[in-house]
Amino acid sequence: QGVGRVIAYVKEAMLAGRLQPGDRLLP
């Protein structure tokens, strides 16, 4: 469930444009 939560976060952020190629994730 935790892995799914992380993957969902990255996917949704990319779809929304909050994360783009080259962007760094939080520490």
mmCIF file of all heavy atoms, coordinates in Angstrom:
data_MODEL
# 
_entry.id   MODEL 
# 
loop_
_atom_site.group_PDB 
_atom_site.id 
_atom_site.type_symbol 
_atom_site.label_atom_id 
_atom_site.label_alt_id 
_atom_site.label_comp_id 
_atom_site.label_asym_id 
_atom_site.label_entity_id 
_atom_site.label_seq_id 
_atom_site.pdbx_PDB_ins_code 
_atom_site.Cartn_x 
_atom_site.Cartn_y 
_atom_site.Cartn_z 
_atom_site.occupancy 
_atom_site.B_iso_or_equiv 
_atom_site.pdbx_formal_charge 
_atom_site.auth_seq_id 
_atom_site.auth_comp_id 
_atom_site.auth_asym_id 
_atom_site.auth_atom_id 
_atom_site.pdbx_PDB_model_num 
ATOM 1   N N   . GLN A 1 1  ? 0.828  -1.198 0.000   1.00 0.00 ? 1  GLN A N   1 
ATOM 2   C CA  . GLN A 1 1  ? 0.000  0.000  0.000   1.00 0.00 ? 1  GLN A CA  1 
ATOM 3   C C   . GLN A 1 1  ? 0.865  1.251  0.000   1.00 0.00 ? 1  GLN A C   1 
ATOM 4   O O   . GLN A 1 1  ? 0.564  2.244  -0.668  1.00 0.00 ? 1  GLN A O   1 
ATOM 5   C CB  . GLN A 1 1  ? -0.923 -0.021 1.221   1.00 0.00 ? 1  GLN A CB  1 
ATOM 6   C CG  . GLN A 1 1  ? -2.002 -1.094 1.155   1.00 0.00 ? 1  GLN A CG  1 
ATOM 7   C CD  . GLN A 1 1  ? -2.774 -1.212 2.463   1.00 0.00 ? 1  GLN A CD  1 
ATOM 8   O OE1 . GLN A 1 1  ? -2.461 -0.552 3.446   1.00 0.00 ? 1  GLN A OE1 1 
ATOM 9   N NE2 . GLN A 1 1  ? -3.771 -2.087 2.468   1.00 0.00 ? 1  GLN A NE2 1 
ATOM 10  N N   . GLY A 1 2  ? 1.966  1.200  0.779   1.00 0.00 ? 2  GLY A N   1 
ATOM 11  C CA  . GLY A 1 2  ? 2.860  2.353  0.825   1.00 0.00 ? 2  GLY A CA  1 
ATOM 12  C C   . GLY A 1 2  ? 3.539  2.603  -0.504  1.00 0.00 ? 2  GLY A C   1 
ATOM 13  O O   . GLY A 1 2  ? 3.649  3.746  -0.957  1.00 0.00 ? 2  GLY A O   1 
ATOM 14  N N   . VAL A 1 3  ? 3.996  1.538  -1.159  1.00 0.00 ? 3  VAL A N   1 
ATOM 15  C CA  . VAL A 1 3  ? 4.609  1.675  -2.479  1.00 0.00 ? 3  VAL A CA  1 
ATOM 16  C C   . VAL A 1 3  ? 3.614  2.279  -3.458  1.00 0.00 ? 3  VAL A C   1 
ATOM 17  O O   . VAL A 1 3  ? 3.937  3.182  -4.237  1.00 0.00 ? 3  VAL A O   1 
ATOM 18  C CB  . VAL A 1 3  ? 5.109  0.302  -2.996  1.00 0.00 ? 3  VAL A CB  1 
ATOM 19  C CG1 . VAL A 1 3  ? 5.485  0.380  -4.467  1.00 0.00 ? 3  VAL A CG1 1 
ATOM 20  C CG2 . VAL A 1 3  ? 6.298  -0.162 -2.170  1.00 0.00 ? 3  VAL A CG2 1 
ATOM 21  N N   . GLY A 1 4  ? 2.378  1.785  -3.403  1.00 0.00 ? 4  GLY A N   1 
ATOM 22  C CA  . GLY A 1 4  ? 1.338  2.323  -4.277  1.00 0.00 ? 4  GLY A CA  1 
ATOM 23  C C   . GLY A 1 4  ? 1.081  3.796  -4.018  1.00 0.00 ? 4  GLY A C   1 
ATOM 24  O O   . GLY A 1 4  ? 0.822  4.570  -4.950  1.00 0.00 ? 4  GLY A O   1 
ATOM 25  N N   . ARG A 1 5  ? 1.177  4.193  -2.757  1.00 0.00 ? 5  ARG A N   1 
ATOM 26  C CA  . ARG A 1 5  ? 0.956  5.593  -2.406  1.00 0.00 ? 5  ARG A CA  1 
ATOM 27  C C   . ARG A 1 5  ? 2.049  6.479  -3.008  1.00 0.00 ? 5  ARG A C   1 
ATOM 28  O O   . ARG A 1 5  ? 1.776  7.562  -3.527  1.00 0.00 ? 5  ARG A O   1 
ATOM 29  C CB  . ARG A 1 5  ? 0.941  5.756  -0.890  1.00 0.00 ? 5  ARG A CB  1 
ATOM 30  C CG  . ARG A 1 5  ? 0.527  7.142  -0.414  1.00 0.00 ? 5  ARG A CG  1 
ATOM 31  C CD  . ARG A 1 5  ? 0.532  7.210  1.104   1.00 0.00 ? 5  ARG A CD  1 
ATOM 32  N NE  . ARG A 1 5  ? -0.310 6.173  1.682   1.00 0.00 ? 5  ARG A NE  1 
ATOM 33  C CZ  . ARG A 1 5  ? -0.332 5.868  2.974   1.00 0.00 ? 5  ARG A CZ  1 
ATOM 34  N NH1 . ARG A 1 5  ? 0.473  6.498  3.818   1.00 0.00 ? 5  ARG A NH1 1 
ATOM 35  N NH2 . ARG A 1 5  ? -1.127 4.929  3.426   1.00 0.00 ? 5  ARG A NH2 1 
ATOM 36  N N   . VAL A 1 6  ? 3.296  6.003  -2.951  1.00 0.00 ? 6  VAL A N   1 
ATOM 37  C CA  . VAL A 1 6  ? 4.400  6.782  -3.515  1.00 0.00 ? 6  VAL A CA  1 
ATOM 38  C C   . VAL A 1 6  ? 4.248  6.899  -5.032  1.00 0.00 ? 6  VAL A C   1 
ATOM 39  O O   . VAL A 1 6  ? 4.389  7.984  -5.608  1.00 0.00 ? 6  VAL A O   1 
ATOM 40  C CB  . VAL A 1 6  ? 5.758  6.129  -3.175  1.00 0.00 ? 6  VAL A CB  1 
ATOM 41  C CG1 . VAL A 1 6  ? 6.901  6.889  -3.852  1.00 0.00 ? 6  VAL A CG1 1 
ATOM 42  C CG2 . VAL A 1 6  ? 5.970  6.098  -1.667  1.00 0.00 ? 6  VAL A CG2 1 
ATOM 43  N N   . ILE A 1 7  ? 3.955  5.778  -5.687  1.00 0.00 ? 7  ILE A N   1 
ATOM 44  C CA  . ILE A 1 7  ? 3.811  5.789  -7.142  1.00 0.00 ? 7  ILE A CA  1 
ATOM 45  C C   . ILE A 1 7  ? 2.650  6.680  -7.560  1.00 0.00 ? 7  ILE A C   1 
ATOM 46  O O   . ILE A 1 7  ? 2.750  7.448  -8.530  1.00 0.00 ? 7  ILE A O   1 
ATOM 47  C CB  . ILE A 1 7  ? 3.620  4.350  -7.661  1.00 0.00 ? 7  ILE A CB  1 
ATOM 48  C CG1 . ILE A 1 7  ? 4.913  3.553  -7.437  1.00 0.00 ? 7  ILE A CG1 1 
ATOM 49  C CG2 . ILE A 1 7  ? 3.224  4.345  -9.136  1.00 0.00 ? 7  ILE A CG2 1 
ATOM 50  C CD1 . ILE A 1 7  ? 4.799  2.081  -7.760  1.00 0.00 ? 7  ILE A CD1 1 
ATOM 51  N N   . ALA A 1 8  ? 1.541  6.612  -6.817  1.00 0.00 ? 8  ALA A N   1 
ATOM 52  C CA  . ALA A 1 8  ? 0.386  7.466  -7.125  1.00 0.00 ? 8  ALA A CA  1 
ATOM 53  C C   . ALA A 1 8  ? 0.741  8.935  -6.976  1.00 0.00 ? 8  ALA A C   1 
ATOM 54  O O   . ALA A 1 8  ? 0.315  9.780  -7.784  1.00 0.00 ? 8  ALA A O   1 
ATOM 55  C CB  . ALA A 1 8  ? -0.785 7.101  -6.218  1.00 0.00 ? 8  ALA A CB  1 
ATOM 56  N N   . TYR A 1 9  ? 1.524  9.249  -5.952  1.00 0.00 ? 9  TYR A N   1 
ATOM 57  C CA  . TYR A 1 9  ? 1.933  10.639 -5.731  1.00 0.00 ? 9  TYR A CA  1 
ATOM 58  C C   . TYR A 1 9  ? 2.734  11.165 -6.919  1.00 0.00 ? 9  TYR A C   1 
ATOM 59  O O   . TYR A 1 9  ? 2.468  12.259 -7.438  1.00 0.00 ? 9  TYR A O   1 
ATOM 60  C CB  . TYR A 1 9  ? 2.764  10.737 -4.445  1.00 0.00 ? 9  TYR A CB  1 
ATOM 61  C CG  . TYR A 1 9  ? 3.578  12.003 -4.345  1.00 0.00 ? 9  TYR A CG  1 
ATOM 62  C CD1 . TYR A 1 9  ? 2.987  13.209 -3.971  1.00 0.00 ? 9  TYR A CD1 1 
ATOM 63  C CD2 . TYR A 1 9  ? 4.949  12.000 -4.642  1.00 0.00 ? 9  TYR A CD2 1 
ATOM 64  C CE1 . TYR A 1 9  ? 3.743  14.377 -3.903  1.00 0.00 ? 9  TYR A CE1 1 
ATOM 65  C CE2 . TYR A 1 9  ? 5.702  13.153 -4.576  1.00 0.00 ? 9  TYR A CE2 1 
ATOM 66  C CZ  . TYR A 1 9  ? 5.092  14.342 -4.196  1.00 0.00 ? 9  TYR A CZ  1 
ATOM 67  O OH  . TYR A 1 9  ? 5.831  15.491 -4.130  1.00 0.00 ? 9  TYR A OH  1 
ATOM 68  N N   . VAL A 1 10 ? 3.725  10.383 -7.363  1.00 0.00 ? 10 VAL A N   1 
ATOM 69  C CA  . VAL A 1 10 ? 4.560  10.824 -8.475  1.00 0.00 ? 10 VAL A CA  1 
ATOM 70  C C   . VAL A 1 10 ? 3.733  10.949 -9.747  1.00 0.00 ? 10 VAL A C   1 
ATOM 71  O O   . VAL A 1 10 ? 3.844  11.929 -10.496 1.00 0.00 ? 10 VAL A O   1 
ATOM 72  C CB  . VAL A 1 10 ? 5.739  9.848  -8.686  1.00 0.00 ? 10 VAL A CB  1 
ATOM 73  C CG1 . VAL A 1 10 ? 6.520  10.213 -9.948  1.00 0.00 ? 10 VAL A CG1 1 
ATOM 74  C CG2 . VAL A 1 10 ? 6.663  9.871  -7.472  1.00 0.00 ? 10 VAL A CG2 1 
ATOM 75  N N   . LYS A 1 11 ? 2.874  9.972  -10.004 1.00 0.00 ? 11 LYS A N   1 
ATOM 76  C CA  . LYS A 1 11 ? 2.046  9.996  -11.212 1.00 0.00 ? 11 LYS A CA  1 
ATOM 77  C C   . LYS A 1 11 ? 1.117  11.208 -11.227 1.00 0.00 ? 11 LYS A C   1 
ATOM 78  O O   . LYS A 1 11 ? 1.033  11.935 -12.230 1.00 0.00 ? 11 LYS A O   1 
ATOM 79  C CB  . LYS A 1 11 ? 1.225  8.709  -11.305 1.00 0.00 ? 11 LYS A CB  1 
ATOM 80  C CG  . LYS A 1 11 ? 0.293  8.645  -12.517 1.00 0.00 ? 11 LYS A CG  1 
ATOM 81  C CD  . LYS A 1 11 ? -0.387 7.297  -12.602 1.00 0.00 ? 11 LYS A CD  1 
ATOM 82  C CE  . LYS A 1 11 ? -1.309 7.061  -11.422 1.00 0.00 ? 11 LYS A CE  1 
ATOM 83  N NZ  . LYS A 1 11 ? -2.054 5.770  -11.544 1.00 0.00 ? 11 LYS A NZ  1 
ATOM 84  N N   . GLU A 1 12 ? 0.434  11.442 -10.126 1.00 0.00 ? 12 GLU A N   1 
ATOM 85  C CA  . GLU A 1 12 ? -0.506 12.557 -10.063 1.00 0.00 ? 12 GLU A CA  1 
ATOM 86  C C   . GLU A 1 12 ? 0.212  13.896 -10.171 1.00 0.00 ? 12 GLU A C   1 
ATOM 87  O O   . GLU A 1 12 ? -0.286 14.835 -10.822 1.00 0.00 ? 12 GLU A O   1 
ATOM 88  C CB  . GLU A 1 12 ? -1.308 12.484 -8.760  1.00 0.00 ? 12 GLU A CB  1 
ATOM 89  C CG  . GLU A 1 12 ? -2.293 11.313 -8.731  1.00 0.00 ? 12 GLU A CG  1 
ATOM 90  C CD  . GLU A 1 12 ? -2.835 11.038 -7.342  1.00 0.00 ? 12 GLU A CD  1 
ATOM 91  O OE1 . GLU A 1 12 ? -2.557 11.856 -6.427  1.00 0.00 ? 12 GLU A OE1 1 
ATOM 92  O OE2 . GLU A 1 12 ? -3.517 10.015 -7.163  1.00 0.00 ? 12 GLU A OE2 1 
ATOM 93  N N   . ALA A 1 13 ? 1.400  13.998 -9.542  1.00 0.00 ? 13 ALA A N   1 
ATOM 94  C CA  . ALA A 1 13 ? 2.157  15.250 -9.611  1.00 0.00 ? 13 ALA A CA  1 
ATOM 95  C C   . ALA A 1 13 ? 2.626  15.525 -11.034 1.00 0.00 ? 13 ALA A C   1 
ATOM 96  O O   . ALA A 1 13 ? 2.631  16.676 -11.494 1.00 0.00 ? 13 ALA A O   1 
ATOM 97  C CB  . ALA A 1 13 ? 3.344  15.193 -8.653  1.00 0.00 ? 13 ALA A CB  1 
ATOM 98  N N   . MET A 1 14 ? 3.007  14.466 -11.767 1.00 0.00 ? 14 MET A N   1 
ATOM 99  C CA  . MET A 1 14 ? 3.434  14.652 -13.151 1.00 0.00 ? 14 MET A CA  1 
ATOM 100 C C   . MET A 1 14 ? 2.254  15.028 -14.040 1.00 0.00 ? 14 MET A C   1 
ATOM 101 O O   . MET A 1 14 ? 2.367  15.907 -14.901 1.00 0.00 ? 14 MET A O   1 
ATOM 102 C CB  . MET A 1 14 ? 4.109  13.378 -13.665 1.00 0.00 ? 14 MET A CB  1 
ATOM 103 C CG  . MET A 1 14 ? 5.450  13.091 -13.004 1.00 0.00 ? 14 MET A CG  1 
ATOM 104 S SD  . MET A 1 14 ? 6.275  11.600 -13.644 1.00 0.00 ? 14 MET A SD  1 
ATOM 105 C CE  . MET A 1 14 ? 6.757  12.172 -15.288 1.00 0.00 ? 14 MET A CE  1 
ATOM 106 N N   . LEU A 1 15 ? 1.111  14.381 -13.828 1.00 0.00 ? 15 LEU A N   1 
ATOM 107 C CA  . LEU A 1 15 ? -0.078 14.709 -14.620 1.00 0.00 ? 15 LEU A CA  1 
ATOM 108 C C   . LEU A 1 15 ? -0.535 16.138 -14.385 1.00 0.00 ? 15 LEU A C   1 
ATOM 109 O O   . LEU A 1 15 ? -1.013 16.816 -15.296 1.00 0.00 ? 15 LEU A O   1 
ATOM 110 C CB  . LEU A 1 15 ? -1.211 13.728 -14.296 1.00 0.00 ? 15 LEU A CB  1 
ATOM 111 C CG  . LEU A 1 15 ? -1.049 12.301 -14.826 1.00 0.00 ? 15 LEU A CG  1 
ATOM 112 C CD1 . LEU A 1 15 ? -2.134 11.396 -14.268 1.00 0.00 ? 15 LEU A CD1 1 
ATOM 113 C CD2 . LEU A 1 15 ? -1.093 12.292 -16.356 1.00 0.00 ? 15 LEU A CD2 1 
ATOM 114 N N   . ALA A 1 16 ? -0.381 16.596 -13.139 1.00 0.00 ? 16 ALA A N   1 
ATOM 115 C CA  . ALA A 1 16 ? -0.807 17.960 -12.795 1.00 0.00 ? 16 ALA A CA  1 
ATOM 116 C C   . ALA A 1 16 ? 0.234  19.004 -13.174 1.00 0.00 ? 16 ALA A C   1 
ATOM 117 O O   . ALA A 1 16 ? -0.034 20.205 -13.087 1.00 0.00 ? 16 ALA A O   1 
ATOM 118 C CB  . ALA A 1 16 ? -1.098 18.042 -11.299 1.00 0.00 ? 16 ALA A CB  1 
ATOM 119 N N   . GLY A 1 17 ? 1.414  18.557 -13.581 1.00 0.00 ? 17 GLY A N   1 
ATOM 120 C CA  . GLY A 1 17 ? 2.459  19.492 -13.963 1.00 0.00 ? 17 GLY A CA  1 
ATOM 121 C C   . GLY A 1 17 ? 3.292  20.004 -12.810 1.00 0.00 ? 17 GLY A C   1 
ATOM 122 O O   . GLY A 1 17 ? 4.151  20.872 -12.998 1.00 0.00 ? 17 GLY A O   1 
ATOM 123 N N   . ARG A 1 18 ? 3.074  19.448 -11.617 1.00 0.00 ? 18 ARG A N   1 
ATOM 124 C CA  . ARG A 1 18 ? 3.868  19.882 -10.469 1.00 0.00 ? 18 ARG A CA  1 
ATOM 125 C C   . ARG A 1 18 ? 5.267  19.275 -10.504 1.00 0.00 ? 18 ARG A C   1 
ATOM 126 O O   . ARG A 1 18 ? 6.188  19.817 -9.909  1.00 0.00 ? 18 ARG A O   1 
ATOM 127 C CB  . ARG A 1 18 ? 3.166  19.513 -9.157  1.00 0.00 ? 18 ARG A CB  1 
ATOM 128 C CG  . ARG A 1 18 ? 1.821  20.190 -8.953  1.00 0.00 ? 18 ARG A CG  1 
ATOM 129 C CD  . ARG A 1 18 ? 1.317  20.005 -7.529  1.00 0.00 ? 18 ARG A CD  1 
ATOM 130 N NE  . ARG A 1 18 ? 1.190  18.602 -7.170  1.00 0.00 ? 18 ARG A NE  1 
ATOM 131 C CZ  . ARG A 1 18 ? 0.108  17.860 -7.407  1.00 0.00 ? 18 ARG A CZ  1 
ATOM 132 N NH1 . ARG A 1 18 ? -0.930 18.396 -8.030  1.00 0.00 ? 18 ARG A NH1 1 
ATOM 133 N NH2 . ARG A 1 18 ? 0.058  16.589 -7.049  1.00 0.00 ? 18 ARG A NH2 1 
ATOM 134 N N   . LEU A 1 19 ? 5.395  18.148 -11.162 1.00 0.00 ? 19 LEU A N   1 
ATOM 135 C CA  . LEU A 1 19 ? 6.692  17.517 -11.355 1.00 0.00 ? 19 LEU A CA  1 
ATOM 136 C C   . LEU A 1 19 ? 6.924  17.322 -12.843 1.00 0.00 ? 19 LEU A C   1 
ATOM 137 O O   . LEU A 1 19 ? 6.041  16.840 -13.562 1.00 0.00 ? 19 LEU A O   1 
ATOM 138 C CB  . LEU A 1 19 ? 6.759  16.155 -10.655 1.00 0.00 ? 19 LEU A CB  1 
ATOM 139 C CG  . LEU A 1 19 ? 6.938  16.148 -9.139  1.00 0.00 ? 19 LEU A CG  1 
ATOM 140 C CD1 . LEU A 1 19 ? 6.869  14.714 -8.611  1.00 0.00 ? 19 LEU A CD1 1 
ATOM 141 C CD2 . LEU A 1 19 ? 8.259  16.786 -8.735  1.00 0.00 ? 19 LEU A CD2 1 
ATOM 142 N N   . GLN A 1 20 ? 8.097  17.693 -13.302 1.00 0.00 ? 20 GLN A N   1 
ATOM 143 C CA  . GLN A 1 20 ? 8.459  17.557 -14.697 1.00 0.00 ? 20 GLN A CA  1 
ATOM 144 C C   . GLN A 1 20 ? 9.858  16.963 -14.791 1.00 0.00 ? 20 GLN A C   1 
ATOM 145 O O   . GLN A 1 20 ? 10.622 17.002 -13.815 1.00 0.00 ? 20 GLN A O   1 
ATOM 146 C CB  . GLN A 1 20 ? 8.403  18.915 -15.398 1.00 0.00 ? 20 GLN A CB  1 
ATOM 147 C CG  . GLN A 1 20 ? 7.018  19.539 -15.409 1.00 0.00 ? 20 GLN A CG  1 
ATOM 148 C CD  . GLN A 1 20 ? 6.991  20.881 -16.116 1.00 0.00 ? 20 GLN A CD  1 
ATOM 149 O OE1 . GLN A 1 20 ? 7.951  21.266 -16.787 1.00 0.00 ? 20 GLN A OE1 1 
ATOM 150 N NE2 . GLN A 1 20 ? 5.891  21.603 -15.969 1.00 0.00 ? 20 GLN A NE2 1 
ATOM 151 N N   . PRO A 1 21 ? 10.215 16.400 -15.958 1.00 0.00 ? 21 PRO A N   1 
ATOM 152 C CA  . PRO A 1 21 ? 11.561 15.862 -16.103 1.00 0.00 ? 21 PRO A CA  1 
ATOM 153 C C   . PRO A 1 21 ? 12.617 16.887 -15.699 1.00 0.00 ? 21 PRO A C   1 
ATOM 154 O O   . PRO A 1 21 ? 12.568 18.039 -16.125 1.00 0.00 ? 21 PRO A O   1 
ATOM 155 C CB  . PRO A 1 21 ? 11.637 15.521 -17.593 1.00 0.00 ? 21 PRO A CB  1 
ATOM 156 C CG  . PRO A 1 21 ? 10.217 15.191 -17.957 1.00 0.00 ? 21 PRO A CG  1 
ATOM 157 C CD  . PRO A 1 21 ? 9.385  16.162 -17.161 1.00 0.00 ? 21 PRO A CD  1 
ATOM 158 N N   . GLY A 1 22 ? 13.541 16.444 -14.870 1.00 0.00 ? 22 GLY A N   1 
ATOM 159 C CA  . GLY A 1 22 ? 14.586 17.337 -14.372 1.00 0.00 ? 22 GLY A CA  1 
ATOM 160 C C   . GLY A 1 22 ? 14.323 17.841 -12.975 1.00 0.00 ? 22 GLY A C   1 
ATOM 161 O O   . GLY A 1 22 ? 15.246 18.313 -12.295 1.00 0.00 ? 22 GLY A O   1 
ATOM 162 N N   . ASP A 1 23 ? 13.066 17.773 -12.513 1.00 0.00 ? 23 ASP A N   1 
ATOM 163 C CA  . ASP A 1 23 ? 12.736 18.229 -11.164 1.00 0.00 ? 23 ASP A CA  1 
ATOM 164 C C   . ASP A 1 23 ? 13.244 17.226 -10.133 1.00 0.00 ? 23 ASP A C   1 
ATOM 165 O O   . ASP A 1 23 ? 13.227 16.016 -10.356 1.00 0.00 ? 23 ASP A O   1 
ATOM 166 C CB  . ASP A 1 23 ? 11.226 18.400 -11.000 1.00 0.00 ? 23 ASP A CB  1 
ATOM 167 C CG  . ASP A 1 23 ? 10.689 19.610 -11.746 1.00 0.00 ? 23 ASP A CG  1 
ATOM 168 O OD1 . ASP A 1 23 ? 11.519 20.436 -12.197 1.00 0.00 ? 23 ASP A OD1 1 
ATOM 169 O OD2 . ASP A 1 23 ? 9.468  19.733 -11.885 1.00 0.00 ? 23 ASP A OD2 1 
ATOM 170 N N   . ARG A 1 24 ? 13.647 17.757 -8.985  1.00 0.00 ? 24 ARG A N   1 
ATOM 171 C CA  . ARG A 1 24 ? 14.163 16.922 -7.904  1.00 0.00 ? 24 ARG A CA  1 
ATOM 172 C C   . ARG A 1 24 ? 13.054 16.663 -6.890  1.00 0.00 ? 24 ARG A C   1 
ATOM 173 O O   . ARG A 1 24 ? 12.310 17.579 -6.513  1.00 0.00 ? 24 ARG A O   1 
ATOM 174 C CB  . ARG A 1 24 ? 15.342 17.625 -7.231  1.00 0.00 ? 24 ARG A CB  1 
ATOM 175 C CG  . ARG A 1 24 ? 16.194 16.732 -6.351  1.00 0.00 ? 24 ARG A CG  1 
ATOM 176 C CD  . ARG A 1 24 ? 17.366 17.536 -5.783  1.00 0.00 ? 24 ARG A CD  1 
ATOM 177 N NE  . ARG A 1 24 ? 18.099 18.229 -6.818  1.00 0.00 ? 24 ARG A NE  1 
ATOM 178 C CZ  . ARG A 1 24 ? 18.998 17.657 -7.617  1.00 0.00 ? 24 ARG A CZ  1 
ATOM 179 N NH1 . ARG A 1 24 ? 19.271 16.368 -7.471  1.00 0.00 ? 24 ARG A NH1 1 
ATOM 180 N NH2 . ARG A 1 24 ? 19.624 18.347 -8.544  1.00 0.00 ? 24 ARG A NH2 1 
ATOM 181 N N   . LEU A 1 25 ? 12.932 15.422 -6.461  1.00 0.00 ? 25 LEU A N   1 
ATOM 182 C CA  . LEU A 1 25 ? 11.977 15.088 -5.411  1.00 0.00 ? 25 LEU A CA  1 
ATOM 183 C C   . LEU A 1 25 ? 12.466 15.619 -4.069  1.00 0.00 ? 25 LEU A C   1 
ATOM 184 O O   . LEU A 1 25 ? 13.651 15.944 -3.903  1.00 0.00 ? 25 LEU A O   1 
ATOM 185 C CB  . LEU A 1 25 ? 11.789 13.574 -5.324  1.00 0.00 ? 25 LEU A CB  1 
ATOM 186 C CG  . LEU A 1 25 ? 11.101 12.895 -6.512  1.00 0.00 ? 25 LEU A CG  1 
ATOM 187 C CD1 . LEU A 1 25 ? 11.155 11.381 -6.351  1.00 0.00 ? 25 LEU A CD1 1 
ATOM 188 C CD2 . LEU A 1 25 ? 9.665  13.357 -6.643  1.00 0.00 ? 25 LEU A CD2 1 
ATOM 189 N N   . LEU A 1 26 ? 11.562 15.699 -3.110  1.00 0.00 ? 26 LEU A N   1 
ATOM 190 C CA  . LEU A 1 26 ? 11.948 16.098 -1.766  1.00 0.00 ? 26 LEU A CA  1 
ATOM 191 C C   . LEU A 1 26 ? 13.002 15.140 -1.217  1.00 0.00 ? 26 LEU A C   1 
ATOM 192 O O   . LEU A 1 26 ? 13.070 13.982 -1.644  1.00 0.00 ? 26 LEU A O   1 
ATOM 193 C CB  . LEU A 1 26 ? 10.727 16.060 -0.840  1.00 0.00 ? 26 LEU A CB  1 
ATOM 194 C CG  . LEU A 1 26 ? 9.641  17.125 -1.041  1.00 0.00 ? 26 LEU A CG  1 
ATOM 195 C CD1 . LEU A 1 26 ? 8.433  16.790 -0.174  1.00 0.00 ? 26 LEU A CD1 1 
ATOM 196 C CD2 . LEU A 1 26 ? 10.182 18.508 -0.715  1.00 0.00 ? 26 LEU A CD2 1 
ATOM 197 N N   . PRO A 1 27 ? 13.827 15.587 -0.278  1.00 0.00 ? 27 PRO A N   1 
ATOM 198 C CA  . PRO A 1 27 ? 14.759 14.658 0.364   1.00 0.00 ? 27 PRO A CA  1 
ATOM 199 C C   . PRO A 1 27 ? 14.001 13.457 0.929   1.00 0.00 ? 27 PRO A C   1 
ATOM 200 O O   . PRO A 1 27 ? 12.828 13.558 1.303   1.00 0.00 ? 27 PRO A O   1 
ATOM 201 C CB  . PRO A 1 27 ? 15.383 15.493 1.477   1.00 0.00 ? 27 PRO A CB  1 
ATOM 202 C CG  . PRO A 1 27 ? 15.277 16.902 0.978   1.00 0.00 ? 27 PRO A CG  1 
ATOM 203 C CD  . PRO A 1 27 ? 13.980 16.965 0.224   1.00 0.00 ? 27 PRO A CD  1 
# 
